Amino acid sequence: MKVGTDAILLGAWATTVNPTAILDVGTGTGILALMLAQRFPNAVVEAVEIDEPASCQAAVNFAASPWSDRLSVTHAEVQDFPFVRPYSLMVCNPPYFHNSLKPDNDARRAARHDDSLSSGELAGAANRLLAQDGRLSVILPTNQRDAFVIEAGSEGLYCVRQRLVHPTPQHPPNRILLEFSTDSSSPVVEERAMIVELTRHQYSREYIDLAKQFLLRMHERS
């Protein structure tokens, strides 16, 4: 499985108090779901994926993991995902390239664009599926933050925590981690911005501390 930095950041950062049920929206091959099963040993982790080959690969990956008894994947759109139980935590590494040039490959198009899952649809699904005190965590390009917050607010979800991510010290932040709650009165906790790499393949201490439990080489460097 190819493991992207965005998935590592979100899987390590997303949190809630003792979650018992977690839903990974658009799981792909299951990276986020596997990370969350590792982090939260008392949680059932479900995943939903619109692309059938990806969902089949996620099922294989789940079955081969140490947490196979707590992991499952459904091939479906989250808009049609049935409400069976309320989720303590929902996570999504959503499609990024809104209104941009579409790739020819259908699977890549679904994974990288928001044709099949708009920000409003994701927020609506979270509002429908989350427990009353549940949280939705996402990672987005920084320039999509404000639009997503507005869409989420229209569905009754409010930003309560965020963290900017710089790829290097010389570059402006290109990603932002966001956490949403149904509590409109909670103030936004603005965490200190993170730098991923100091130089090529030399990771910052804060990124190592966040991600080392998931990446063997990262652990070796800590």
Protein backbone atom coordinates (compact mmCIF):
# COMPACT_ATOMS: atom_id res chain seq x y z
CA MET A 1 0.00 0.00 0.00
CA LYS A 2 1.26 3.47 -0.80
CA VAL A 3 1.10 5.59 2.34
CA GLY A 4 0.70 9.32 1.76
CA THR A 5 1.70 12.09 4.15
CA ASP A 6 -1.87 13.40 4.29
CA ALA A 7 -3.19 10.05 5.52
CA ILE A 8 -0.43 9.77 8.11
CA LEU A 9 -1.12 13.29 9.39
CA LEU A 10 -4.88 12.75 9.67
CA GLY A 11 -4.68 9.25 11.12
CA ALA A 12 -2.26 10.36 13.81
CA TRP A 13 -3.99 13.67 14.58
CA ALA A 14 -7.69 12.77 14.61
CA THR A 15 -8.88 12.19 18.14
CA THR A 16 -11.80 11.93 20.48
CA VAL A 17 -12.19 10.56 23.99
CA ASN A 18 -12.32 6.75 24.01
CA PRO A 19 -14.16 6.26 20.69
CA THR A 20 -16.18 3.07 20.46
CA ALA A 21 -17.23 3.31 16.81
CA ILE A 22 -15.24 4.96 14.00
CA LEU A 23 -16.10 5.48 10.33
CA ASP A 24 -13.47 6.15 7.66
CA VAL A 25 -15.13 7.80 4.66
CA GLY A 26 -13.46 7.07 1.32
CA THR A 27 -11.00 4.65 2.85
CA GLY A 28 -9.22 3.76 -0.39
CA THR A 29 -7.07 0.75 0.50
CA GLY A 30 -7.69 1.26 4.21
CA ILE A 31 -4.70 3.19 5.56
CA LEU A 32 -6.66 5.52 7.85
CA ALA A 33 -8.90 2.75 9.17
CA LEU A 34 -5.87 0.60 9.99
CA MET A 35 -4.16 3.49 11.79
CA LEU A 36 -7.25 4.19 13.87
CA ALA A 37 -7.71 0.51 14.74
CA GLN A 38 -4.12 0.53 15.99
CA ARG A 39 -4.59 3.75 18.00
CA PHE A 40 -7.95 2.90 19.58
CA PRO A 41 -8.00 -0.76 20.72
CA ASN A 42 -11.55 -0.56 22.07
CA ALA A 43 -13.13 0.82 18.90
CA VAL A 44 -14.90 -0.90 16.05
CA VAL A 45 -13.62 0.69 12.83
CA GLU A 46 -15.81 0.66 9.74
CA ALA A 47 -14.88 2.00 6.33
CA VAL A 48 -16.85 2.99 3.27
CA GLU A 49 -15.41 3.22 -0.25
CA ILE A 50 -17.10 4.01 -3.56
CA ASP A 51 -14.43 2.35 -5.75
CA GLU A 52 -14.96 -1.43 -5.83
CA PRO A 53 -11.33 -2.53 -6.49
CA ALA A 54 -10.12 -0.24 -3.70
CA SER A 55 -12.74 -1.57 -1.29
CA CYS A 56 -11.73 -5.15 -2.15
CA GLN A 57 -8.09 -4.30 -1.48
CA ALA A 58 -9.06 -2.66 1.82
CA ALA A 59 -10.88 -5.87 2.81
CA VAL A 60 -7.74 -7.89 2.05
CA ASN A 61 -5.59 -5.47 4.04
CA PHE A 62 -7.99 -5.54 6.98
CA ALA A 63 -8.08 -9.35 7.02
CA ALA A 64 -4.26 -9.47 7.10
CA SER A 65 -3.97 -7.00 9.98
CA PRO A 66 -3.79 -7.73 13.73
CA TRP A 67 -7.12 -5.89 14.14
CA SER A 68 -9.16 -7.86 11.60
CA ASP A 69 -11.89 -8.63 14.16
CA ARG A 70 -12.61 -4.88 14.54
CA LEU A 71 -12.32 -3.75 10.92
CA SER A 72 -14.84 -3.91 8.07
CA VAL A 73 -15.41 -2.16 4.74
CA THR A 74 -18.57 -1.46 2.73
CA HIS A 75 -18.54 -0.75 -1.00
CA ALA A 76 -20.95 2.20 -1.20
CA GLU A 77 -21.31 5.96 -1.29
CA VAL A 78 -21.41 7.48 2.18
CA GLN A 79 -24.53 9.39 1.09
CA ASP A 80 -26.29 5.98 1.00
CA PHE A 81 -24.53 4.46 3.99
CA PRO A 82 -27.22 3.17 6.37
CA PHE A 83 -27.46 4.42 9.94
CA VAL A 84 -26.84 1.39 12.13
CA ARG A 85 -25.03 3.00 15.04
CA PRO A 86 -23.82 6.50 15.93
CA TYR A 87 -20.10 7.04 15.39
CA SER A 88 -17.82 8.63 17.97
CA LEU A 89 -15.42 9.66 15.22
CA MET A 90 -15.58 10.07 11.46
CA VAL A 91 -12.49 10.76 9.37
CA CYS A 92 -12.08 11.66 5.73
CA ASN A 93 -9.15 12.48 3.49
CA PRO A 94 -11.54 13.97 0.92
CA PRO A 95 -11.29 14.64 -2.83
CA TYR A 96 -9.17 17.72 -3.37
CA PHE A 97 -9.27 19.10 -6.87
CA HIS A 98 -12.55 20.98 -7.09
CA ASN A 99 -13.26 22.34 -10.60
CA SER A 100 -9.83 21.28 -11.86
CA LEU A 101 -8.78 19.26 -14.91
CA LYS A 102 -10.02 15.68 -14.51
CA PRO A 103 -7.72 12.66 -15.04
CA ASP A 104 -8.83 10.05 -17.57
CA ASN A 105 -8.79 7.13 -15.14
CA ASP A 106 -12.19 6.66 -13.43
CA ALA A 107 -10.73 5.48 -10.11
CA ARG A 108 -8.24 8.34 -9.94
CA ARG A 109 -10.99 10.79 -10.84
CA ALA A 110 -13.22 9.55 -8.02
CA ALA A 111 -10.36 9.59 -5.54
CA ARG A 112 -8.94 13.00 -6.42
CA HIS A 113 -12.00 15.09 -7.31
CA ASP A 114 -15.21 15.97 -5.52
CA ASP A 115 -17.68 14.84 -8.20
CA SER A 116 -18.80 11.87 -6.09
CA LEU A 117 -18.53 13.52 -2.66
CA SER A 118 -18.90 17.25 -2.20
CA SER A 119 -17.99 18.99 1.06
CA GLY A 120 -21.69 19.58 1.74
CA GLU A 121 -22.50 15.90 1.22
CA LEU A 122 -19.67 14.85 3.53
CA ALA A 123 -20.85 17.28 6.22
CA GLY A 124 -24.44 16.09 5.78
CA ALA A 125 -23.39 12.47 6.17
CA ALA A 126 -21.44 13.35 9.31
CA ASN A 127 -24.41 15.17 10.77
CA ARG A 128 -26.56 12.10 10.10
CA LEU A 129 -24.11 9.45 11.33
CA LEU A 130 -22.22 11.04 14.23
CA ALA A 131 -23.11 10.57 17.89
CA GLN A 132 -24.23 13.71 19.71
CA ASP A 133 -20.72 14.26 21.06
CA GLY A 134 -18.98 12.82 18.00
CA ARG A 135 -16.29 14.47 15.90
CA LEU A 136 -15.47 14.74 12.20
CA SER A 137 -11.79 15.14 11.29
CA VAL A 138 -10.52 16.01 7.79
CA ILE A 139 -7.37 17.21 6.07
CA LEU A 140 -7.68 19.80 3.30
CA PRO A 141 -5.61 22.16 1.17
CA THR A 142 -5.46 25.43 3.09
CA ASN A 143 -7.30 27.32 0.35
CA GLN A 144 -10.35 25.07 0.80
CA ARG A 145 -10.66 25.62 4.55
CA ASP A 146 -13.12 28.52 4.57
CA ALA A 147 -15.50 26.99 2.01
CA PHE A 148 -15.56 23.69 3.89
CA VAL A 149 -16.23 25.42 7.22
CA ILE A 150 -19.19 27.26 5.67
CA GLU A 151 -20.60 24.04 4.16
CA ALA A 152 -20.14 22.19 7.45
CA GLY A 153 -21.84 24.99 9.37
CA SER A 154 -24.88 24.74 7.12
CA GLU A 155 -25.13 21.08 8.18
CA GLY A 156 -24.80 21.84 11.89
CA LEU A 157 -21.08 21.07 12.26
CA TYR A 158 -18.64 23.61 13.68
CA CYS A 159 -14.85 23.76 13.64
CA VAL A 160 -13.43 23.18 17.13
CA ARG A 161 -9.76 22.39 16.40
CA GLN A 162 -7.35 23.08 13.58
CA ARG A 163 -3.66 22.83 12.72
CA LEU A 164 -1.78 24.23 9.75
CA VAL A 165 0.87 22.07 8.07
CA HIS A 166 3.94 23.45 6.26
CA PRO A 167 5.75 21.05 3.88
CA THR A 168 9.09 22.73 4.74
CA PRO A 169 10.16 25.81 6.75
CA GLN A 170 10.55 27.76 3.50
CA HIS A 171 7.05 27.07 2.19
CA PRO A 172 3.69 28.45 3.32
CA PRO A 173 1.20 25.97 4.78
CA ASN A 174 -0.40 23.80 2.10
CA ARG A 175 -2.59 21.59 4.31
CA ILE A 176 -4.84 22.14 7.29
CA LEU A 177 -6.20 19.58 9.75
CA LEU A 178 -9.74 20.35 10.91
CA GLU A 179 -11.98 18.86 13.58
CA PHE A 180 -15.73 19.49 13.73
CA SER A 181 -18.37 19.07 16.43
CA THR A 182 -22.10 19.66 16.67
CA ASP A 183 -21.44 22.08 19.56
CA SER A 184 -21.64 25.60 18.13
CA SER A 185 -20.49 27.18 21.40
CA SER A 186 -17.05 25.54 21.56
CA PRO A 187 -14.15 27.89 20.76
CA VAL A 188 -11.70 26.90 18.01
CA VAL A 189 -8.48 25.47 19.42
CA GLU A 190 -5.69 26.74 17.17
CA GLU A 191 -2.78 24.33 17.49
CA ARG A 192 0.77 25.36 16.67
CA ALA A 193 1.57 24.98 12.98
CA MET A 194 3.58 21.89 12.02
CA ILE A 195 6.50 21.54 9.63
CA VAL A 196 6.83 18.13 7.95
CA GLU A 197 10.36 18.17 6.50
CA LEU A 198 13.30 20.36 7.48
CA THR A 199 15.10 19.25 4.31
CA ARG A 200 14.42 16.41 1.86
CA HIS A 201 13.68 13.26 3.93
CA GLN A 202 14.80 14.97 7.15
CA TYR A 203 11.61 15.17 9.17
CA SER A 204 10.87 17.67 11.90
CA ARG A 205 10.77 16.57 15.52
CA GLU A 206 7.04 17.37 15.79
CA TYR A 207 6.21 15.27 12.73
CA ILE A 208 8.33 12.39 14.03
CA ASP A 209 6.61 12.56 17.40
CA LEU A 210 3.20 12.49 15.72
CA ALA A 211 3.89 9.72 13.20
CA LYS A 212 6.59 7.44 14.62
CA GLN A 213 4.22 4.75 15.91
CA PHE A 214 3.07 4.13 12.33
CA LEU A 215 6.31 4.29 10.32
CA LEU A 216 9.23 2.02 11.15
CA ARG A 217 11.86 4.28 9.64
CA MET A 218 10.42 7.21 11.52
CA HIS A 219 10.73 5.22 14.75
CA GLU A 220 14.35 4.43 13.98
CA ARG A 221 15.12 8.14 13.60
CA SER A 222 13.44 9.20 16.84
